[in-house]
Amino acid sequence: MADVNQLQETINDMEFILRKMSVIIKQKGREILQNFPITPPQFVALQWLNEEGDMTIGDLSNKMYLAFSTTTDLIDRMESNQLLERIRDNKDRRVVQIHLLDKGKKIIDDVIEARRNYLSSILTDINDEQITAIHDSINSLFEAMKQDL
């Protein structure tokens, strides 16, 4: 029975560590964004567009868990900053796709690079084998979590 209790304690500790890591990643991500001309919600929106391609405001709103009106305001600001553009569907003019522009793509690439540099600096005192093991473990956990969606 001790093994079951020990396993549960390990799981509890993993949840705690992952939660604390998430907070640190979010805080560090916001610090990094201070060096760029976008807000955290704009970063999330641009990241979705960068990873998934063009989408409607409704689709983006759902992915970001924001109200449609909030997402529309966000899109308005990013469009005025030439980070993205609205494109009307030729077949159905009621459908408007949001398209990431080069300036938005460049900002996303630069932010991601800064985040990777931060992670690299954190990993400097960890040997290559441990880094590979951490990667493999995180990836296994991620794959298991995706299956549960």
N, C-alpha and C. Protein backbone atom coordinates (compact mmCIF):
# COMPACT_ATOMS: atom_id res chain seq x y z
N MET A 1 0.82 -1.20 0.00
CA MET A 1 0.00 0.00 0.00
C MET A 1 0.86 1.26 0.00
N ALA A 2 2.08 1.16 0.51
CA ALA A 2 2.97 2.32 0.56
C ALA A 2 3.29 2.82 -0.85
N ASP A 3 3.39 1.89 -1.82
CA ASP A 3 3.69 2.29 -3.19
C ASP A 3 2.59 3.17 -3.77
N VAL A 4 1.32 2.83 -3.48
CA VAL A 4 0.19 3.63 -3.96
C VAL A 4 0.23 5.02 -3.34
N ASN A 5 0.48 5.07 -2.04
CA ASN A 5 0.58 6.37 -1.37
C ASN A 5 1.75 7.19 -1.89
N GLN A 6 2.87 6.52 -2.12
CA GLN A 6 4.05 7.21 -2.63
C GLN A 6 3.78 7.74 -4.04
N LEU A 7 3.11 6.93 -4.86
CA LEU A 7 2.77 7.36 -6.22
C LEU A 7 1.83 8.58 -6.16
N GLN A 8 0.85 8.54 -5.28
CA GLN A 8 -0.07 9.67 -5.15
C GLN A 8 0.66 10.93 -4.69
N GLU A 9 1.59 10.77 -3.77
CA GLU A 9 2.40 11.91 -3.32
C GLU A 9 3.23 12.48 -4.48
N THR A 10 3.78 11.60 -5.30
CA THR A 10 4.56 12.03 -6.47
C THR A 10 3.66 12.79 -7.44
N ILE A 11 2.47 12.28 -7.68
CA ILE A 11 1.51 12.96 -8.57
C ILE A 11 1.13 14.32 -7.99
N ASN A 12 0.86 14.36 -6.70
CA ASN A 12 0.53 15.63 -6.05
C ASN A 12 1.66 16.64 -6.21
N ASP A 13 2.89 16.16 -6.02
CA ASP A 13 4.05 17.03 -6.15
C ASP A 13 4.22 17.50 -7.60
N MET A 14 3.99 16.59 -8.56
CA MET A 14 4.08 16.96 -9.97
C MET A 14 3.08 18.07 -10.31
N GLU A 15 1.86 17.93 -9.82
CA GLU A 15 0.83 18.94 -10.09
C GLU A 15 1.27 20.28 -9.53
N PHE A 16 1.79 20.26 -8.30
CA PHE A 16 2.26 21.48 -7.65
C PHE A 16 3.39 22.13 -8.46
N ILE A 17 4.37 21.33 -8.85
CA ILE A 17 5.52 21.84 -9.61
C ILE A 17 5.06 22.40 -10.96
N LEU A 18 4.20 21.67 -11.67
CA LEU A 18 3.72 22.15 -12.96
C LEU A 18 2.95 23.46 -12.81
N ARG A 19 2.15 23.57 -11.77
CA ARG A 19 1.39 24.80 -11.52
C ARG A 19 2.35 25.97 -11.26
N LYS A 20 3.36 25.74 -10.43
CA LYS A 20 4.33 26.79 -10.12
C LYS A 20 5.16 27.15 -11.36
N MET A 21 5.53 26.15 -12.16
CA MET A 21 6.26 26.42 -13.41
C MET A 21 5.41 27.26 -14.35
N SER A 22 4.14 26.96 -14.43
CA SER A 22 3.22 27.71 -15.29
C SER A 22 3.19 29.18 -14.89
N VAL A 23 3.16 29.44 -13.58
CA VAL A 23 3.18 30.82 -13.08
C VAL A 23 4.48 31.51 -13.48
N ILE A 24 5.60 30.83 -13.32
CA ILE A 24 6.90 31.40 -13.67
C ILE A 24 6.98 31.69 -15.17
N ILE A 25 6.53 30.73 -15.97
CA ILE A 25 6.54 30.91 -17.43
C ILE A 25 5.68 32.12 -17.82
N LYS A 26 4.53 32.23 -17.19
CA LYS A 26 3.64 33.35 -17.49
C LYS A 26 4.28 34.68 -17.08
N GLN A 27 4.87 34.72 -15.88
CA GLN A 27 5.53 35.95 -15.42
C GLN A 27 6.70 36.33 -16.32
N LYS A 28 7.53 35.34 -16.63
CA LYS A 28 8.71 35.61 -17.47
C LYS A 28 8.26 36.01 -18.87
N GLY A 29 7.22 35.37 -19.37
CA GLY A 29 6.68 35.73 -20.68
C GLY A 29 6.21 37.17 -20.72
N ARG A 30 5.55 37.62 -19.65
CA ARG A 30 5.10 39.02 -19.58
C ARG A 30 6.29 39.97 -19.51
N GLU A 31 7.32 39.58 -18.78
CA GLU A 31 8.54 40.41 -18.72
C GLU A 31 9.15 40.55 -20.11
N ILE A 32 9.24 39.44 -20.82
CA ILE A 32 9.81 39.44 -22.17
C ILE A 32 8.98 40.33 -23.08
N LEU A 33 7.65 40.25 -22.96
CA LEU A 33 6.77 41.04 -23.82
C LEU A 33 6.91 42.54 -23.61
N GLN A 34 7.42 42.94 -22.45
CA GLN A 34 7.62 44.38 -22.21
C GLN A 34 8.61 45.00 -23.19
N ASN A 35 9.42 44.15 -23.81
CA ASN A 35 10.40 44.62 -24.80
C ASN A 35 9.84 44.65 -26.22
N PHE A 36 8.54 44.36 -26.36
CA PHE A 36 7.91 44.29 -27.67
C PHE A 36 6.63 45.13 -27.68
N PRO A 37 6.22 45.58 -28.86
CA PRO A 37 5.07 46.49 -28.95
C PRO A 37 3.71 45.78 -28.98
N ILE A 38 3.55 44.72 -28.17
CA ILE A 38 2.27 44.03 -28.09
C ILE A 38 1.96 43.69 -26.64
N THR A 39 0.69 43.47 -26.39
CA THR A 39 0.22 43.09 -25.05
C THR A 39 0.15 41.57 -24.96
N PRO A 40 0.06 41.02 -23.75
CA PRO A 40 -0.08 39.56 -23.64
C PRO A 40 -1.26 38.98 -24.44
N PRO A 41 -2.46 39.58 -24.40
CA PRO A 41 -3.53 39.01 -25.23
C PRO A 41 -3.24 39.10 -26.73
N GLN A 42 -2.57 40.16 -27.15
CA GLN A 42 -2.19 40.25 -28.56
C GLN A 42 -1.20 39.16 -28.93
N PHE A 43 -0.26 38.88 -28.02
CA PHE A 43 0.69 37.80 -28.26
C PHE A 43 -0.03 36.48 -28.45
N VAL A 44 -1.00 36.20 -27.59
CA VAL A 44 -1.75 34.94 -27.69
C VAL A 44 -2.48 34.87 -29.03
N ALA A 45 -3.13 35.97 -29.41
CA ALA A 45 -3.85 35.99 -30.69
C ALA A 45 -2.91 35.78 -31.87
N LEU A 46 -1.79 36.49 -31.86
CA LEU A 46 -0.82 36.35 -32.95
C LEU A 46 -0.24 34.94 -32.99
N GLN A 47 -0.04 34.37 -31.82
CA GLN A 47 0.50 33.01 -31.76
C GLN A 47 -0.48 32.01 -32.36
N TRP A 48 -1.78 32.15 -32.04
CA TRP A 48 -2.78 31.27 -32.64
C TRP A 48 -2.77 31.39 -34.16
N LEU A 49 -2.74 32.62 -34.66
CA LEU A 49 -2.73 32.84 -36.11
C LEU A 49 -1.46 32.28 -36.75
N ASN A 50 -0.35 32.44 -36.06
CA ASN A 50 0.93 31.93 -36.57
C ASN A 50 0.92 30.41 -36.65
N GLU A 51 0.35 29.77 -35.64
CA GLU A 51 0.36 28.30 -35.58
C GLU A 51 -0.73 27.65 -36.42
N GLU A 52 -1.89 28.29 -36.51
CA GLU A 52 -3.05 27.65 -37.15
C GLU A 52 -3.43 28.26 -38.49
N GLY A 53 -2.88 29.43 -38.81
CA GLY A 53 -3.23 30.10 -40.06
C GLY A 53 -4.47 30.97 -39.90
N ASP A 54 -4.95 31.45 -41.03
CA ASP A 54 -6.10 32.36 -41.04
C ASP A 54 -7.30 31.72 -40.35
N MET A 55 -8.06 32.56 -39.65
CA MET A 55 -9.28 32.09 -39.00
C MET A 55 -10.23 33.26 -38.82
N THR A 56 -11.48 32.96 -38.53
CA THR A 56 -12.46 34.01 -38.29
C THR A 56 -12.27 34.58 -36.88
N ILE A 57 -12.86 35.74 -36.65
CA ILE A 57 -12.81 36.32 -35.30
C ILE A 57 -13.50 35.39 -34.32
N GLY A 58 -14.59 34.75 -34.75
CA GLY A 58 -15.29 33.80 -33.88
C GLY A 58 -14.41 32.63 -33.48
N ASP A 59 -13.68 32.08 -34.44
CA ASP A 59 -12.76 30.97 -34.14
C ASP A 59 -11.67 31.41 -33.16
N LEU A 60 -11.10 32.59 -33.42
CA LEU A 60 -10.05 33.10 -32.54
C LEU A 60 -10.62 33.39 -31.15
N SER A 61 -11.80 33.94 -31.12
CA SER A 61 -12.47 34.23 -29.85
C SER A 61 -12.65 32.96 -29.02
N ASN A 62 -13.08 31.89 -29.67
CA ASN A 62 -13.25 30.60 -28.99
C ASN A 62 -11.93 30.04 -28.49
N LYS A 63 -10.89 30.13 -29.29
CA LYS A 63 -9.59 29.60 -28.89
C LYS A 63 -8.99 30.37 -27.72
N MET A 64 -9.29 31.67 -27.65
CA MET A 64 -8.74 32.51 -26.59
C MET A 64 -9.66 32.60 -25.37
N TYR A 65 -10.84 31.98 -25.47
CA TYR A 65 -11.83 32.05 -24.39
C TYR A 65 -12.18 33.49 -24.05
N LEU A 66 -12.38 34.30 -25.09
CA LEU A 66 -12.76 35.70 -24.92
C LEU A 66 -14.11 35.95 -25.58
N ALA A 67 -14.80 36.97 -25.11
CA ALA A 67 -16.04 37.37 -25.75
C ALA A 67 -15.73 37.86 -27.16
N PHE A 68 -16.67 37.68 -28.07
CA PHE A 68 -16.50 38.10 -29.45
C PHE A 68 -16.17 39.58 -29.53
N SER A 69 -16.86 40.40 -28.73
CA SER A 69 -16.63 41.85 -28.76
C SER A 69 -15.21 42.20 -28.28
N THR A 70 -14.73 41.48 -27.28
CA THR A 70 -13.37 41.70 -26.78
C THR A 70 -12.34 41.35 -27.85
N THR A 71 -12.57 40.24 -28.53
CA THR A 71 -11.66 39.81 -29.59
C THR A 71 -11.69 40.80 -30.75
N THR A 72 -12.87 41.31 -31.07
CA THR A 72 -12.99 42.31 -32.13
C THR A 72 -12.17 43.55 -31.80
N ASP A 73 -12.25 44.03 -30.56
CA ASP A 73 -11.45 45.19 -30.14
C ASP A 73 -9.95 44.89 -30.25
N LEU A 74 -9.57 43.69 -29.85
CA LEU A 74 -8.17 43.26 -29.94
C LEU A 74 -7.70 43.27 -31.40
N ILE A 75 -8.53 42.73 -32.29
CA ILE A 75 -8.21 42.68 -33.71
C ILE A 75 -8.11 44.10 -34.28
N ASP A 76 -9.03 44.97 -33.87
CA ASP A 76 -9.00 46.36 -34.34
C ASP A 76 -7.65 47.01 -34.03
N ARG A 77 -7.18 46.86 -32.78
CA ARG A 77 -5.90 47.46 -32.39
C ARG A 77 -4.73 46.86 -33.16
N MET A 78 -4.75 45.54 -33.33
CA MET A 78 -3.65 44.90 -34.05
C MET A 78 -3.68 45.24 -35.54
N GLU A 79 -4.87 45.41 -36.09
CA GLU A 79 -4.97 45.79 -37.50
C GLU A 79 -4.44 47.22 -37.69
N SER A 80 -4.76 48.12 -36.76
CA SER A 80 -4.26 49.50 -36.88
C SER A 80 -2.74 49.56 -36.70
N ASN A 81 -2.18 48.58 -36.03
CA ASN A 81 -0.71 48.48 -35.87
C ASN A 81 -0.06 47.64 -36.97
N GLN A 82 -0.86 47.25 -37.95
CA GLN A 82 -0.39 46.50 -39.13
C GLN A 82 0.25 45.16 -38.78
N LEU A 83 -0.32 44.51 -37.75
CA LEU A 83 0.15 43.17 -37.36
C LEU A 83 -0.65 42.10 -38.09
N LEU A 84 -1.87 42.43 -38.45
CA LEU A 84 -2.75 41.50 -39.15
C LEU A 84 -3.74 42.29 -39.98
N GLU A 85 -4.49 41.56 -40.80
CA GLU A 85 -5.50 42.22 -41.62
C GLU A 85 -6.74 41.34 -41.72
N ARG A 86 -7.87 41.99 -41.97
CA ARG A 86 -9.12 41.28 -42.22
C ARG A 86 -9.23 41.05 -43.72
N ILE A 87 -9.62 39.84 -44.09
CA ILE A 87 -9.80 39.52 -45.50
C ILE A 87 -11.21 38.94 -45.67
N ARG A 88 -12.00 39.57 -46.52
CA ARG A 88 -13.36 39.09 -46.78
C ARG A 88 -13.30 37.90 -47.74
N ASP A 89 -14.14 36.92 -47.47
CA ASP A 89 -14.25 35.73 -48.31
C ASP A 89 -14.91 36.13 -49.64
N ASN A 90 -14.32 35.71 -50.75
CA ASN A 90 -14.87 36.03 -52.06
C ASN A 90 -16.22 35.37 -52.31
N LYS A 91 -16.44 34.21 -51.73
CA LYS A 91 -17.68 33.47 -51.95
C LYS A 91 -18.80 33.94 -51.04
N ASP A 92 -18.45 34.33 -49.82
CA ASP A 92 -19.44 34.78 -48.85
C ASP A 92 -18.89 36.01 -48.15
N ARG A 93 -19.32 37.19 -48.55
CA ARG A 93 -18.78 38.45 -48.05
C ARG A 93 -19.02 38.64 -46.56
N ARG A 94 -19.93 37.85 -45.98
CA ARG A 94 -20.18 37.94 -44.54
C ARG A 94 -19.04 37.32 -43.74
N VAL A 95 -18.29 36.42 -44.36
CA VAL A 95 -17.18 35.74 -43.69
C VAL A 95 -15.91 36.57 -43.81
N VAL A 96 -15.31 36.85 -42.66
CA VAL A 96 -14.07 37.64 -42.62
C VAL A 96 -13.00 36.80 -41.93
N GLN A 97 -11.91 36.59 -42.65
CA GLN A 97 -10.77 35.86 -42.10
C GLN A 97 -9.75 36.86 -41.56
N ILE A 98 -9.08 36.47 -40.49
CA ILE A 98 -8.00 37.28 -39.94
C ILE A 98 -6.70 36.67 -40.43
N HIS A 99 -5.87 37.50 -41.03
CA HIS A 99 -4.62 37.05 -41.64
C HIS A 99 -3.43 37.75 -40.99
N LEU A 100 -2.45 36.97 -40.55
CA LEU A 100 -1.23 37.49 -39.94
C LEU A 100 -0.35 38.14 -41.00
N LEU A 101 0.07 39.37 -40.74
CA LEU A 101 0.97 40.07 -41.66
C LEU A 101 2.43 39.84 -41.25
N ASP A 102 3.35 40.21 -42.14
CA ASP A 102 4.78 39.99 -41.89
C ASP A 102 5.25 40.64 -40.59
N LYS A 103 4.76 41.84 -40.30
CA LYS A 103 5.16 42.54 -39.08
C LYS A 103 4.74 41.74 -37.84
N GLY A 104 3.53 41.18 -37.86
CA GLY A 104 3.06 40.35 -36.75
C GLY A 104 3.86 39.07 -36.63
N LYS A 105 4.18 38.46 -37.77
CA LYS A 105 4.99 37.23 -37.79
C LYS A 105 6.37 37.49 -37.23
N LYS A 106 6.96 38.63 -37.59
CA LYS A 106 8.30 38.98 -37.11
C LYS A 106 8.29 39.16 -35.59
N ILE A 107 7.26 39.81 -35.07
CA ILE A 107 7.18 40.01 -33.62
C ILE A 107 7.05 38.66 -32.92
N ILE A 108 6.19 37.79 -33.44
CA ILE A 108 6.03 36.46 -32.83
C ILE A 108 7.35 35.71 -32.85
N ASP A 109 8.03 35.71 -33.99
CA ASP A 109 9.32 35.02 -34.10
C ASP A 109 10.33 35.58 -33.09
N ASP A 110 10.36 36.90 -32.95
CA ASP A 110 11.30 37.53 -32.01
C ASP A 110 10.95 37.20 -30.56
N VAL A 111 9.67 37.21 -30.23
CA VAL A 111 9.25 36.89 -28.86
C VAL A 111 9.59 35.43 -28.54
N ILE A 112 9.28 34.53 -29.46
CA ILE A 112 9.58 33.10 -29.24
C ILE A 112 11.08 32.90 -29.08
N GLU A 113 11.87 33.60 -29.88
CA GLU A 113 13.33 33.50 -29.76
C GLU A 113 13.79 33.97 -28.38
N ALA A 114 13.21 35.06 -27.89
CA ALA A 114 13.57 35.57 -26.55
C ALA A 114 13.17 34.56 -25.47
N ARG A 115 12.02 33.92 -25.64
CA ARG A 115 11.59 32.91 -24.67
C ARG A 115 12.51 31.69 -24.70
N ARG A 116 12.93 31.30 -25.90
CA ARG A 116 13.86 30.17 -26.03
C ARG A 116 15.21 30.50 -25.41
N ASN A 117 15.65 31.74 -25.60
CA ASN A 117 16.91 32.16 -24.98
C ASN A 117 16.82 32.12 -23.47
N TYR A 118 15.69 32.53 -22.92
CA TYR A 118 15.48 32.45 -21.47
C TYR A 118 15.58 31.00 -21.01
N LEU A 119 14.88 30.09 -21.69
CA LEU A 119 14.92 28.68 -21.31
C LEU A 119 16.33 28.13 -21.42
N SER A 120 17.03 28.50 -22.47
CA SER A 120 18.41 28.06 -22.65
C SER A 120 19.29 28.53 -21.49
N SER A 121 19.06 29.76 -21.04
CA SER A 121 19.86 30.28 -19.91
C SER A 121 19.56 29.53 -18.62
N ILE A 122 18.34 29.07 -18.46
CA ILE A 122 17.96 28.31 -17.27
C ILE A 122 18.61 26.92 -17.30
N LEU A 123 18.79 26.38 -18.49
CA LEU A 123 19.30 25.01 -18.64
C LEU A 123 20.83 24.92 -18.68
N THR A 124 21.52 26.02 -18.52
CA THR A 124 22.99 26.01 -18.67
C THR A 124 23.70 25.08 -17.69
N ASP A 125 23.16 24.91 -16.49
CA ASP A 125 23.83 24.07 -15.49
C ASP A 125 23.31 22.63 -15.48
N ILE A 126 22.50 22.28 -16.46
CA ILE A 126 21.96 20.93 -16.55
C ILE A 126 22.63 20.23 -17.73
N ASN A 127 23.08 18.99 -17.50
CA ASN A 127 23.82 18.32 -18.57
C ASN A 127 22.90 17.87 -19.70
N ASP A 128 23.51 17.55 -20.84
CA ASP A 128 22.76 17.22 -22.05
C ASP A 128 21.83 16.02 -21.86
N GLU A 129 22.29 15.01 -21.14
CA GLU A 129 21.46 13.82 -20.91
C GLU A 129 20.22 14.18 -20.10
N GLN A 130 20.39 15.01 -19.08
CA GLN A 130 19.25 15.44 -18.27
C GLN A 130 18.28 16.28 -19.10
N ILE A 131 18.81 17.15 -19.94
CA ILE A 131 17.95 17.98 -20.79
C ILE A 131 17.12 17.09 -21.71
N THR A 132 17.76 16.07 -22.29
CA THR A 132 17.04 15.14 -23.15
C THR A 132 15.97 14.38 -22.36
N ALA A 133 16.30 13.96 -21.16
CA ALA A 133 15.33 13.24 -20.32
C ALA A 133 14.15 14.14 -19.94
N ILE A 134 14.44 15.40 -19.60
CA ILE A 134 13.38 16.35 -19.28
C ILE A 134 12.48 16.54 -20.50
N HIS A 135 13.10 16.74 -21.65
CA HIS A 135 12.34 16.91 -22.89
C HIS A 135 11.43 15.72 -23.15
N ASP A 136 12.00 14.53 -23.06
CA ASP A 136 11.22 13.32 -23.34
C ASP A 136 10.06 13.15 -22.36
N SER A 137 10.32 13.45 -21.10
CA SER A 137 9.27 13.33 -20.08
C SER A 137 8.16 14.36 -20.30
N ILE A 138 8.55 15.59 -20.55
CA ILE A 138 7.55 16.64 -20.80
C ILE A 138 6.74 16.30 -22.05
N ASN A 139 7.41 15.83 -23.07
CA ASN A 139 6.72 15.48 -24.31
C ASN A 139 5.74 14.32 -24.08
N SER A 140 6.14 13.32 -23.32
CA SER A 140 5.24 12.19 -23.01
C SER A 140 4.00 12.67 -22.26
N LEU A 141 4.20 13.55 -21.29
CA LEU A 141 3.08 14.10 -20.53
C LEU A 141 2.17 14.92 -21.44
N PHE A 142 2.77 15.72 -22.29
CA PHE A 142 1.99 16.53 -23.24
C PHE A 142 1.16 15.65 -24.17
N GLU A 143 1.76 14.61 -24.71
CA GLU A 143 1.04 13.70 -25.62
C GLU A 143 -0.13 13.04 -24.90
N ALA A 144 0.09 12.61 -23.65
CA ALA A 144 -0.99 11.98 -22.88
C ALA A 144 -2.11 12.99 -22.62
N MET A 145 -1.75 14.23 -22.33
CA MET A 145 -2.76 15.26 -22.08
C MET A 145 -3.55 15.58 -23.36
N LYS A 146 -2.88 15.60 -24.50
CA LYS A 146 -3.59 15.86 -25.76
C LYS A 146 -4.62 14.78 -26.05
N GLN A 147 -4.30 13.55 -25.69
CA GLN A 147 -5.24 12.45 -25.91
C GLN A 147 -6.51 12.60 -25.09
N ASP A 148 -6.41 13.34 -24.01
CA ASP A 148 -7.54 13.52 -23.09
C ASP A 148 -8.44 14.69 -23.47
N LEU A 149 -8.05 15.46 -24.49
CA LEU A 149 -8.85 16.62 -24.91
C LEU A 149 -10.13 16.20 -25.60
